[in-house]
Amino acid sequence: MRLLALLCLVGATGCLDRIILDGTLQSTRQAAKAFDTLSDLEVAKEGAGSSLVQIEGMNTLAPDNEDGLFLLTQSWTGYASAFIEDSWEQAVDKGDDEGEAWHAGRAKNAYDRAVKFGTSLLEQQKPGFVVAQKNSETIKAYLAGFEKRDAEALLWLGLSWLSRGGVAGDQPEVVADLFVGVALLERSVELDETLAYATGLAALGAYHARSPDAELAEGKKQFERALALTDRKALTVQLMYAQNFACQAHDGALYRALLEEVLAAGDVLPAQRLENVIARRKAARYLGTPRLKRCGF
């Protein structure tokens, strides 16, 4: 490795530039967790948008860099979930059809980009991902070849895949491919269920509780496991538990209890501060009349 670096330094300025760029992307990925400790949503939103533009630029210069592909998969998913979907939900609650359609489209586009970069990452790590998307059996067979070190990439691609279905559920081609996102999350959870504060378990819980006729018991099981793993400190789990399972099960008491728990929680997990601030913001809205009516309470 040192010999290769030396040859690059002697032989080509472009190679030196690439070494610096690769190092920058690696450092950016390592430092990204500091972003989760922010508490100001406006600062976070502006910072996230700026970071996305910068990483997109670096990816253009180094399209095969795995750190860059991972960061774009994770960042587009996180930005859409935290900020774009927030605007979408507000438009829905206000009965603003034009705003609802606009923000749903923005969210889908963001998830599309996340899926694009995540797909490139998997194809680079283990060719055959796109071909394996024939059915549940072929995708599971493909994913069996990944190991624990790959769980994080599978998690964020799976999250983007399922989240896209949440904002584009009226598009048959998106719904038809949801099994791919489910398989990605199931394999990630199988490899490491604690990742990102059990986000994979919570996402699977939401999927299984997607409707009153879905697998509500399985959804409840996944949410309860996520609560146990996070010691109830990662408040997004309670938020999703209420929004999905309690709402679909028409359990008003559980719905209110979970959301009130989120609102009452203080700074219980500094490493997850930003996500918890977002969860509290949404919990307050979910206790409002429009959301209560949507759940039939």
C-alpha atoms as a PDB file:
ATOM      1  CA  MET A   1       0.000   0.000   0.000  1.00  0.00           C
ATOM      2  CA  ARG A   2       2.857   2.397   0.853  1.00  0.00           C
ATOM      3  CA  LEU A   3       4.622   1.524  -2.411  1.00  0.00           C
ATOM      4  CA  LEU A   4       1.431   2.276  -4.355  1.00  0.00           C
ATOM      5  CA  ALA A   5       1.069   5.613  -2.622  1.00  0.00           C
ATOM      6  CA  LEU A   6       4.721   6.467  -3.346  1.00  0.00           C
ATOM      7  CA  LEU A   7       4.342   5.576  -7.026  1.00  0.00           C
ATOM      8  CA  CYS A   8       1.278   7.793  -7.209  1.00  0.00           C
ATOM      9  CA  LEU A   9       3.114  10.702  -5.645  1.00  0.00           C
ATOM     10  CA  VAL A  10       5.995  10.387  -8.049  1.00  0.00           C
ATOM     11  CA  GLY A  11       4.022   9.552 -11.164  1.00  0.00           C
ATOM     12  CA  ALA A  12       0.781  11.535 -11.187  1.00  0.00           C
ATOM     13  CA  THR A  13      -0.765  14.565  -9.570  1.00  0.00           C
ATOM     14  CA  GLY A  14      -4.192  13.084 -10.262  1.00  0.00           C
ATOM     15  CA  CYS A  15      -3.395  10.085  -8.100  1.00  0.00           C
ATOM     16  CA  LEU A  16      -2.394  12.369  -5.242  1.00  0.00           C
ATOM     17  CA  ASP A  17      -5.663  14.256  -5.605  1.00  0.00           C
ATOM     18  CA  ARG A  18      -7.531  10.953  -5.405  1.00  0.00           C
ATOM     19  CA  ILE A  19      -5.686   9.940  -2.235  1.00  0.00           C
ATOM     20  CA  ILE A  20      -6.665  13.244  -0.623  1.00  0.00           C
ATOM     21  CA  LEU A  21     -10.271  12.888  -1.790  1.00  0.00           C
ATOM     22  CA  ASP A  22     -10.533   9.327  -0.478  1.00  0.00           C
ATOM     23  CA  GLY A  23      -9.123  10.468   2.847  1.00  0.00           C
ATOM     24  CA  THR A  24     -11.603  13.329   3.015  1.00  0.00           C
ATOM     25  CA  LEU A  25     -14.552  11.016   2.429  1.00  0.00           C
ATOM     26  CA  GLN A  26     -13.294   8.553   5.017  1.00  0.00           C
ATOM     27  CA  SER A  27     -12.894  11.336   7.585  1.00  0.00           C
ATOM     28  CA  THR A  28     -16.335  12.738   6.734  1.00  0.00           C
ATOM     29  CA  ARG A  29     -17.919   9.350   7.379  1.00  0.00           C
ATOM     30  CA  GLN A  30     -16.091   8.976  10.683  1.00  0.00           C
ATOM     31  CA  ALA A  31     -17.126  12.469  11.824  1.00  0.00           C
ATOM     32  CA  ALA A  32     -20.755  12.216  10.706  1.00  0.00           C
ATOM     33  CA  LYS A  33     -22.004  10.965  14.071  1.00  0.00           C
ATOM     34  CA  ALA A  34     -21.297  14.382  15.593  1.00  0.00           C
ATOM     35  CA  PHE A  35     -24.214  15.696  13.521  1.00  0.00           C
ATOM     36  CA  ASP A  36     -26.599  13.565  15.589  1.00  0.00           C
ATOM     37  CA  THR A  37     -25.744  15.540  18.740  1.00  0.00           C
ATOM     38  CA  LEU A  38     -27.241  18.805  17.386  1.00  0.00           C
ATOM     39  CA  SER A  39     -30.447  20.146  18.900  1.00  0.00           C
ATOM     40  CA  ASP A  40     -31.303  23.070  16.572  1.00  0.00           C
ATOM     41  CA  LEU A  41     -33.434  21.752  13.716  1.00  0.00           C
ATOM     42  CA  GLU A  42     -32.807  24.743  11.446  1.00  0.00           C
ATOM     43  CA  VAL A  43     -29.040  24.451  11.807  1.00  0.00           C
ATOM     44  CA  ALA A  44     -29.309  20.719  11.188  1.00  0.00           C
ATOM     45  CA  LYS A  45     -31.485  21.173   8.104  1.00  0.00           C
ATOM     46  CA  GLU A  46     -29.220  23.755   6.502  1.00  0.00           C
ATOM     47  CA  GLY A  47     -26.108  21.800   7.407  1.00  0.00           C
ATOM     48  CA  ALA A  48     -27.499  18.558   6.038  1.00  0.00           C
ATOM     49  CA  GLY A  49     -28.427  20.172   2.737  1.00  0.00           C
ATOM     50  CA  SER A  50     -24.989  21.734   2.340  1.00  0.00           C
ATOM     51  CA  SER A  51     -23.268  18.470   3.206  1.00  0.00           C
ATOM     52  CA  LEU A  52     -25.324  16.590   0.617  1.00  0.00           C
ATOM     53  CA  VAL A  53     -24.228  18.985  -2.114  1.00  0.00           C
ATOM     54  CA  GLN A  54     -20.574  18.640  -1.103  1.00  0.00           C
ATOM     55  CA  ILE A  55     -20.663  14.842  -0.949  1.00  0.00           C
ATOM     56  CA  GLU A  56     -22.468  14.691  -4.294  1.00  0.00           C
ATOM     57  CA  GLY A  57     -19.587  16.726  -5.751  1.00  0.00           C
ATOM     58  CA  MET A  58     -16.972  14.441  -4.262  1.00  0.00           C
ATOM     59  CA  ASN A  59     -18.870  11.415  -5.571  1.00  0.00           C
ATOM     60  CA  THR A  60     -18.691  12.867  -9.076  1.00  0.00           C
ATOM     61  CA  LEU A  61     -14.896  12.933  -8.744  1.00  0.00           C
ATOM     62  CA  ALA A  62     -14.698   9.522  -7.046  1.00  0.00           C
ATOM     63  CA  PRO A  63     -17.811   7.538  -8.056  1.00  0.00           C
ATOM     64  CA  ASP A  64     -16.354   4.239  -6.835  1.00  0.00           C
ATOM     65  CA  ASN A  65     -15.475   5.428  -3.320  1.00  0.00           C
ATOM     66  CA  GLU A  66     -17.453   3.276  -0.898  1.00  0.00           C
ATOM     67  CA  ASP A  67     -17.469   5.875   1.886  1.00  0.00           C
ATOM     68  CA  GLY A  68     -18.998   8.392  -0.508  1.00  0.00           C
ATOM     69  CA  LEU A  69     -21.643   5.949  -1.730  1.00  0.00           C
ATOM     70  CA  PHE A  70     -22.539   5.019   1.845  1.00  0.00           C
ATOM     71  CA  LEU A  71     -22.738   8.653   2.966  1.00  0.00           C
ATOM     72  CA  LEU A  72     -25.060   9.555   0.090  1.00  0.00           C
ATOM     73  CA  THR A  73     -27.311   6.572   0.796  1.00  0.00           C
ATOM     74  CA  GLN A  74     -27.503   7.429   4.489  1.00  0.00           C
ATOM     75  CA  SER A  75     -27.713  11.204   4.075  1.00  0.00           C
ATOM     76  CA  TRP A  76     -30.440  11.283   1.421  1.00  0.00           C
ATOM     77  CA  THR A  77     -32.478   8.836   3.487  1.00  0.00           C
ATOM     78  CA  GLY A  78     -32.013  10.818   6.680  1.00  0.00           C
ATOM     79  CA  TYR A  79     -32.703  14.186   5.054  1.00  0.00           C
ATOM     80  CA  ALA A  80     -35.904  12.973   3.439  1.00  0.00           C
ATOM     81  CA  SER A  81     -37.151  11.326   6.623  1.00  0.00           C
ATOM     82  CA  ALA A  82     -36.279  14.157   9.005  1.00  0.00           C
ATOM     83  CA  PHE A  83     -37.091  17.221   6.932  1.00  0.00           C
ATOM     84  CA  ILE A  84     -38.930  16.566   3.668  1.00  0.00           C
ATOM     85  CA  GLU A  85     -41.442  14.143   5.181  1.00  0.00           C
ATOM     86  CA  ASP A  86     -42.025  16.611   8.005  1.00  0.00           C
ATOM     87  CA  SER A  87     -43.186  19.193   5.463  1.00  0.00           C
ATOM     88  CA  TRP A  88     -45.236  16.526   3.696  1.00  0.00           C
ATOM     89  CA  GLU A  89     -47.019  15.527   6.908  1.00  0.00           C
ATOM     90  CA  GLN A  90     -47.797  19.142   7.732  1.00  0.00           C
ATOM     91  CA  ALA A  91     -49.340  19.618   4.284  1.00  0.00           C
ATOM     92  CA  VAL A  92     -51.412  16.439   4.735  1.00  0.00           C
ATOM     93  CA  ASP A  93     -52.722  17.617   8.110  1.00  0.00           C
ATOM     94  CA  LYS A  94     -53.652  21.022   6.684  1.00  0.00           C
ATOM     95  CA  GLY A  95     -55.519  19.489   3.759  1.00  0.00           C
ATOM     96  CA  ASP A  96     -53.098  21.200   1.370  1.00  0.00           C
ATOM     97  CA  ASP A  97     -53.340  18.859  -1.631  1.00  0.00           C
ATOM     98  CA  GLU A  98     -50.859  20.814  -3.733  1.00  0.00           C
ATOM     99  CA  GLY A  99     -48.287  20.944  -0.928  1.00  0.00           C
ATOM    100  CA  GLU A 100     -48.846  17.274  -0.146  1.00  0.00           C
ATOM    101  CA  ALA A 101     -48.133  16.245  -3.731  1.00  0.00           C
ATOM    102  CA  TRP A 102     -45.114  18.554  -3.978  1.00  0.00           C
ATOM    103  CA  HIS A 103     -43.410  17.327  -0.829  1.00  0.00           C
ATOM    104  CA  ALA A 104     -44.274  13.681  -1.520  1.00  0.00           C
ATOM    105  CA  GLY A 105     -42.536  14.070  -4.870  1.00  0.00           C
ATOM    106  CA  ARG A 106     -39.509  15.658  -3.217  1.00  0.00           C
ATOM    107  CA  ALA A 107     -39.317  12.826  -0.717  1.00  0.00           C
ATOM    108  CA  LYS A 108     -39.580  10.171  -3.413  1.00  0.00           C
ATOM    109  CA  ASN A 109     -36.829  11.838  -5.421  1.00  0.00           C
ATOM    110  CA  ALA A 110     -34.584  11.886  -2.349  1.00  0.00           C
ATOM    111  CA  TYR A 111     -35.245   8.208  -1.638  1.00  0.00           C
ATOM    112  CA  ASP A 112     -34.648   7.431  -5.311  1.00  0.00           C
ATOM    113  CA  ARG A 113     -31.189   8.961  -5.012  1.00  0.00           C
ATOM    114  CA  ALA A 114     -30.503   7.014  -1.848  1.00  0.00           C
ATOM    115  CA  VAL A 115     -31.554   3.794  -3.597  1.00  0.00           C
ATOM    116  CA  LYS A 116     -29.361   4.666  -6.577  1.00  0.00           C
ATOM    117  CA  PHE A 117     -26.238   5.182  -4.484  1.00  0.00           C
ATOM    118  CA  GLY A 118     -26.974   2.243  -2.206  1.00  0.00           C
ATOM    119  CA  THR A 119     -27.459  -0.002  -5.208  1.00  0.00           C
ATOM    120  CA  SER A 120     -24.112   1.101  -6.623  1.00  0.00           C
ATOM    121  CA  LEU A 121     -22.483   0.352  -3.283  1.00  0.00           C
ATOM    122  CA  LEU A 122     -23.877  -3.183  -3.090  1.00  0.00           C
ATOM    123  CA  GLU A 123     -23.070  -3.918  -6.724  1.00  0.00           C
ATOM    124  CA  GLN A 124     -19.512  -2.805  -6.077  1.00  0.00           C
ATOM    125  CA  GLN A 125     -19.186  -4.914  -2.940  1.00  0.00           C
ATOM    126  CA  LYS A 126     -20.961  -7.977  -4.340  1.00  0.00           C
ATOM    127  CA  PRO A 127     -22.111  -7.855  -7.980  1.00  0.00           C
ATOM    128  CA  GLY A 128     -25.547  -9.248  -8.731  1.00  0.00           C
ATOM    129  CA  PHE A 129     -27.886  -7.136  -6.588  1.00  0.00           C
ATOM    130  CA  VAL A 130     -30.051  -5.890  -9.462  1.00  0.00           C
ATOM    131  CA  VAL A 131     -30.273  -9.329 -11.057  1.00  0.00           C
ATOM    132  CA  ALA A 132     -31.224 -10.846  -7.690  1.00  0.00           C
ATOM    133  CA  GLN A 133     -34.369  -8.717  -7.428  1.00  0.00           C
ATOM    134  CA  LYS A 134     -36.515 -11.287  -9.253  1.00  0.00           C
ATOM    135  CA  ASN A 135     -38.358 -12.499  -6.154  1.00  0.00           C
ATOM    136  CA  SER A 136     -38.019 -12.992  -2.405  1.00  0.00           C
ATOM    137  CA  GLU A 137     -36.024 -16.203  -2.761  1.00  0.00           C
ATOM    138  CA  THR A 138     -33.432 -14.787  -5.158  1.00  0.00           C
ATOM    139  CA  ILE A 139     -32.855 -11.616  -3.137  1.00  0.00           C
ATOM    140  CA  LYS A 140     -32.494 -13.552   0.122  1.00  0.00           C
ATOM    141  CA  ALA A 141     -30.002 -15.922  -1.493  1.00  0.00           C
ATOM    142  CA  TYR A 142     -27.964 -12.945  -2.705  1.00  0.00           C
ATOM    143  CA  LEU A 143     -28.032 -11.165   0.657  1.00  0.00           C
ATOM    144  CA  ALA A 144     -26.890 -14.300   2.477  1.00  0.00           C
ATOM    145  CA  GLY A 145     -23.414 -13.572   1.142  1.00  0.00           C
ATOM    146  CA  PHE A 146     -23.038 -10.386   3.194  1.00  0.00           C
ATOM    147  CA  GLU A 147     -21.393 -10.304   6.621  1.00  0.00           C
ATOM    148  CA  LYS A 148     -21.710  -8.197   9.772  1.00  0.00           C
ATOM    149  CA  ARG A 149     -19.417  -5.477   8.446  1.00  0.00           C
ATOM    150  CA  ASP A 150     -21.957  -4.941   5.642  1.00  0.00           C
ATOM    151  CA  ALA A 151     -24.994  -4.593   7.918  1.00  0.00           C
ATOM    152  CA  GLU A 152     -24.925  -0.787   7.974  1.00  0.00           C
ATOM    153  CA  ALA A 153     -25.017  -0.461   4.185  1.00  0.00           C
ATOM    154  CA  LEU A 154     -27.894  -2.947   4.024  1.00  0.00           C
ATOM    155  CA  LEU A 155     -29.737  -1.031   6.747  1.00  0.00           C
ATOM    156  CA  TRP A 156     -29.701   2.363   5.043  1.00  0.00           C
ATOM    157  CA  LEU A 157     -30.525   1.017   1.620  1.00  0.00           C
ATOM    158  CA  GLY A 158     -33.381  -0.979   3.132  1.00  0.00           C
ATOM    159  CA  LEU A 159     -34.680   2.090   4.964  1.00  0.00           C
ATOM    160  CA  SER A 160     -34.647   4.184   1.800  1.00  0.00           C
ATOM    161  CA  TRP A 161     -36.391   1.396  -0.111  1.00  0.00           C
ATOM    162  CA  LEU A 162     -39.265   1.044   2.363  1.00  0.00           C
ATOM    163  CA  SER A 163     -39.531   4.776   3.039  1.00  0.00           C
ATOM    164  CA  ARG A 164     -39.983   5.414  -0.666  1.00  0.00           C
ATOM    165  CA  GLY A 165     -43.010   3.141  -0.519  1.00  0.00           C
ATOM    166  CA  GLY A 166     -44.429   5.281   2.275  1.00  0.00           C
ATOM    167  CA  VAL A 167     -44.526   8.427   0.144  1.00  0.00           C
ATOM    168  CA  ALA A 168     -45.273   6.757  -3.188  1.00  0.00           C
ATOM    169  CA  GLY A 169     -47.743   4.066  -2.189  1.00  0.00           C
ATOM    170  CA  ASP A 170     -49.947   4.997  -5.149  1.00  0.00           C
ATOM    171  CA  GLN A 171     -47.270   3.897  -7.629  1.00  0.00           C
ATOM    172  CA  PRO A 172     -47.606   0.159  -8.389  1.00  0.00           C
ATOM    173  CA  GLU A 173     -43.986  -0.270  -9.466  1.00  0.00           C
ATOM    174  CA  VAL A 174     -42.779   1.046  -6.107  1.00  0.00           C
ATOM    175  CA  VAL A 175     -45.136  -1.146  -4.075  1.00  0.00           C
ATOM    176  CA  ALA A 176     -44.268  -4.221  -6.144  1.00  0.00           C
ATOM    177  CA  ASP A 177     -40.600  -3.931  -5.162  1.00  0.00           C
ATOM    178  CA  LEU A 178     -41.092  -3.447  -1.419  1.00  0.00           C
ATOM    179  CA  PHE A 179     -40.025  -7.047  -0.813  1.00  0.00           C
ATOM    180  CA  VAL A 180     -36.478  -5.998  -1.700  1.00  0.00           C
ATOM    181  CA  GLY A 181     -36.405  -3.392   1.075  1.00  0.00           C
ATOM    182  CA  VAL A 182     -37.851  -5.881   3.537  1.00  0.00           C
ATOM    183  CA  ALA A 183     -35.180  -8.437   2.646  1.00  0.00           C
ATOM    184  CA  LEU A 184     -32.419  -5.835   3.035  1.00  0.00           C
ATOM    185  CA  LEU A 185     -33.635  -4.876   6.505  1.00  0.00           C
ATOM    186  CA  GLU A 186     -34.173  -8.454   7.593  1.00  0.00           C
ATOM    187  CA  ARG A 187     -30.609  -9.363   6.632  1.00  0.00           C
ATOM    188  CA  SER A 188     -29.206  -6.248   8.326  1.00  0.00           C
ATOM    189  CA  VAL A 189     -31.108  -7.029  11.535  1.00  0.00           C
ATOM    190  CA  GLU A 190     -29.999 -10.643  11.352  1.00  0.00           C
ATOM    191  CA  LEU A 191     -26.387  -9.479  11.204  1.00  0.00           C
ATOM    192  CA  ASP A 192     -26.685  -6.700  13.820  1.00  0.00           C
ATOM    193  CA  GLU A 193     -30.045  -5.723  15.293  1.00  0.00           C
ATOM    194  CA  THR A 194     -28.559  -2.923  17.415  1.00  0.00           C
ATOM    195  CA  LEU A 195     -27.442  -0.740  14.496  1.00  0.00           C
ATOM    196  CA  ALA A 196     -28.605   2.892  14.546  1.00  0.00           C
ATOM    197  CA  TYR A 197     -30.447   2.280  17.810  1.00  0.00           C
ATOM    198  CA  ALA A 198     -32.495  -0.640  16.475  1.00  0.00           C
ATOM    199  CA  THR A 199     -33.817   1.404  13.575  1.00  0.00           C
ATOM    200  CA  GLY A 200     -33.991  -1.702  11.411  1.00  0.00           C
ATOM    201  CA  LEU A 201     -36.283  -3.434  13.890  1.00  0.00           C
ATOM    202  CA  ALA A 202     -38.519  -0.365  14.138  1.00  0.00           C
ATOM    203  CA  ALA A 203     -38.738  -0.087  10.355  1.00  0.00           C
ATOM    204  CA  LEU A 204     -39.696  -3.747  10.064  1.00  0.00           C
ATOM    205  CA  GLY A 205     -42.254  -3.209  12.820  1.00  0.00           C
ATOM    206  CA  ALA A 206     -43.760  -0.365  10.812  1.00  0.00           C
ATOM    207  CA  TYR A 207     -43.861  -2.519   7.683  1.00  0.00           C
ATOM    208  CA  HIS A 208     -45.615  -5.403   9.415  1.00  0.00           C
ATOM    209  CA  ALA A 209     -48.127  -2.968  10.941  1.00  0.00           C
ATOM    210  CA  ARG A 210     -48.734  -1.121   7.672  1.00  0.00           C
ATOM    211  CA  SER A 211     -52.481  -1.795   7.717  1.00  0.00           C
ATOM    212  CA  PRO A 212     -55.139  -3.335   9.988  1.00  0.00           C
ATOM    213  CA  ASP A 213     -55.000  -6.450   7.798  1.00  0.00           C
ATOM    214  CA  ALA A 214     -51.207  -6.780   7.927  1.00  0.00           C
ATOM    215  CA  GLU A 215     -49.072  -8.711  10.415  1.00  0.00           C
ATOM    216  CA  LEU A 216     -49.838  -6.612  13.493  1.00  0.00           C
ATOM    217  CA  ALA A 217     -48.594  -9.199  15.984  1.00  0.00           C
ATOM    218  CA  GLU A 218     -45.239  -9.386  14.205  1.00  0.00           C
ATOM    219  CA  GLY A 219     -45.058  -5.590  14.105  1.00  0.00           C
ATOM    220  CA  LYS A 220     -45.656  -5.361  17.847  1.00  0.00           C
ATOM    221  CA  LYS A 221     -42.943  -7.959  18.444  1.00  0.00           C
ATOM    222  CA  GLN A 222     -40.395  -5.956  16.455  1.00  0.00           C
ATOM    223  CA  PHE A 223     -41.260  -2.700  18.229  1.00  0.00           C
ATOM    224  CA  GLU A 224     -41.046  -4.274  21.672  1.00  0.00           C
ATOM    225  CA  ARG A 225     -37.644  -5.733  20.846  1.00  0.00           C
ATOM    226  CA  ALA A 226     -36.449  -2.309  19.651  1.00  0.00           C
ATOM    227  CA  LEU A 227     -37.663  -0.686  22.875  1.00  0.00           C
ATOM    228  CA  ALA A 228     -35.779  -3.257  24.942  1.00  0.00           C
ATOM    229  CA  LEU A 229     -32.548  -2.795  22.984  1.00  0.00           C
ATOM    230  CA  THR A 230     -32.644   1.003  23.269  1.00  0.00           C
ATOM    231  CA  ASP A 231     -33.815   1.149  26.894  1.00  0.00           C
ATOM    232  CA  ARG A 232     -36.634   3.380  25.562  1.00  0.00           C
ATOM    233  CA  LYS A 233     -34.145   6.217  24.991  1.00  0.00           C
ATOM    234  CA  ALA A 234     -34.206   6.323  21.192  1.00  0.00           C
ATOM    235  CA  LEU A 235     -37.572   8.084  20.960  1.00  0.00           C
ATOM    236  CA  THR A 236     -38.126   7.457  17.264  1.00  0.00           C
ATOM    237  CA  VAL A 237     -39.008   3.874  18.215  1.00  0.00           C
ATOM    238  CA  GLN A 238     -41.934   5.021  20.384  1.00  0.00           C
ATOM    239  CA  LEU A 239     -42.988   7.488  17.697  1.00  0.00           C
ATOM    240  CA  MET A 240     -43.085   4.808  15.003  1.00  0.00           C
ATOM    241  CA  TYR A 241     -44.743   2.351  17.375  1.00  0.00           C
ATOM    242  CA  ALA A 242     -47.586   4.821  17.907  1.00  0.00           C
ATOM    243  CA  GLN A 243     -47.781   6.032  14.313  1.00  0.00           C
ATOM    244  CA  ASN A 244     -47.905   2.556  12.859  1.00  0.00           C
ATOM    245  CA  PHE A 245     -48.946  -0.226  15.223  1.00  0.00           C
ATOM    246  CA  ALA A 246     -51.132   1.655  17.739  1.00  0.00           C
ATOM    247  CA  CYS A 247     -52.865   3.606  14.994  1.00  0.00           C
ATOM    248  CA  GLN A 248     -53.574   0.550  12.827  1.00  0.00           C
ATOM    249  CA  ALA A 249     -54.611  -1.538  15.849  1.00  0.00           C
ATOM    250  CA  HIS A 250     -56.969   1.278  16.922  1.00  0.00           C
ATOM    251  CA  ASP A 251     -55.378   1.264  20.374  1.00  0.00           C
ATOM    252  CA  GLY A 252     -55.916   4.853  21.448  1.00  0.00           C
ATOM    253  CA  ALA A 253     -54.566   4.358  24.963  1.00  0.00           C
ATOM    254  CA  LEU A 254     -51.268   2.932  23.702  1.00  0.00           C
ATOM    255  CA  TYR A 255     -51.047   5.596  21.000  1.00  0.00           C
ATOM    256  CA  ARG A 256     -51.345   8.450  23.484  1.00  0.00           C
ATOM    257  CA  ALA A 257     -49.102   6.807  26.085  1.00  0.00           C
ATOM    258  CA  LEU A 258     -46.256   6.313  23.607  1.00  0.00           C
ATOM    259  CA  LEU A 259     -46.431   9.864  22.271  1.00  0.00           C
ATOM    260  CA  GLU A 260     -46.726  11.397  25.725  1.00  0.00           C
ATOM    261  CA  GLU A 261     -43.672   9.384  26.750  1.00  0.00           C
ATOM    262  CA  VAL A 262     -41.771  10.960  23.856  1.00  0.00           C
ATOM    263  CA  LEU A 263     -42.876  14.470  24.832  1.00  0.00           C
ATOM    264  CA  ALA A 264     -41.979  13.956  28.487  1.00  0.00           C
ATOM    265  CA  ALA A 265     -38.506  12.617  27.800  1.00  0.00           C
ATOM    266  CA  GLY A 266     -35.609  14.961  28.359  1.00  0.00           C
ATOM    267  CA  ASP A 267     -32.170  14.779  26.793  1.00  0.00           C
ATOM    268  CA  VAL A 268     -32.025  11.054  27.522  1.00  0.00           C
ATOM    269  CA  LEU A 269     -29.627  10.100  24.722  1.00  0.00           C
ATOM    270  CA  PRO A 270     -27.155  12.860  23.758  1.00  0.00           C
ATOM    271  CA  ALA A 271     -25.669  10.747  20.956  1.00  0.00           C
ATOM    272  CA  GLN A 272     -29.149  10.647  19.393  1.00  0.00           C
ATOM    273  CA  ARG A 273     -30.178  14.178  20.352  1.00  0.00           C
ATOM    274  CA  LEU A 274     -31.203  15.402  16.898  1.00  0.00           C
ATOM    275  CA  GLU A 275     -33.377  12.373  16.170  1.00  0.00           C
ATOM    276  CA  ASN A 276     -35.027  12.707  19.581  1.00  0.00           C
ATOM    277  CA  VAL A 277     -35.751  16.405  19.008  1.00  0.00           C
ATOM    278  CA  ILE A 278     -37.380  15.488  15.686  1.00  0.00           C
ATOM    279  CA  ALA A 279     -39.362  12.735  17.425  1.00  0.00           C
ATOM    280  CA  ARG A 280     -40.707  15.191  20.008  1.00  0.00           C
ATOM    281  CA  ARG A 281     -41.692  17.652  17.304  1.00  0.00           C
ATOM    282  CA  LYS A 282     -43.621  14.960  15.448  1.00  0.00           C
ATOM    283  CA  ALA A 283     -45.164  13.515  18.616  1.00  0.00           C
ATOM    284  CA  ALA A 284     -46.778  16.861  19.385  1.00  0.00           C
ATOM    285  CA  ARG A 285     -48.292  16.943  15.900  1.00  0.00           C
ATOM    286  CA  TYR A 286     -49.446  13.330  16.067  1.00  0.00           C
ATOM    287  CA  LEU A 287     -51.468  14.193  19.179  1.00  0.00           C
ATOM    288  CA  GLY A 288     -53.292  16.865  17.210  1.00  0.00           C
ATOM    289  CA  THR A 289     -56.825  16.463  15.880  1.00  0.00           C
ATOM    290  CA  PRO A 290     -55.952  15.632  12.235  1.00  0.00           C
ATOM    291  CA  ARG A 291     -53.739  12.674  13.193  1.00  0.00           C
ATOM    292  CA  LEU A 292     -56.115  11.421  15.867  1.00  0.00           C
ATOM    293  CA  LYS A 293     -58.945  11.429  13.317  1.00  0.00           C
ATOM    294  CA  ARG A 294     -56.791   9.544  10.779  1.00  0.00           C
ATOM    295  CA  CYS A 295     -56.364   6.782  13.355  1.00  0.00           C
ATOM    296  CA  GLY A 296     -60.075   6.771  14.193  1.00  0.00           C
ATOM    297  CA  PHE A 297     -59.634   8.078  17.747  1.00  0.00           C
END
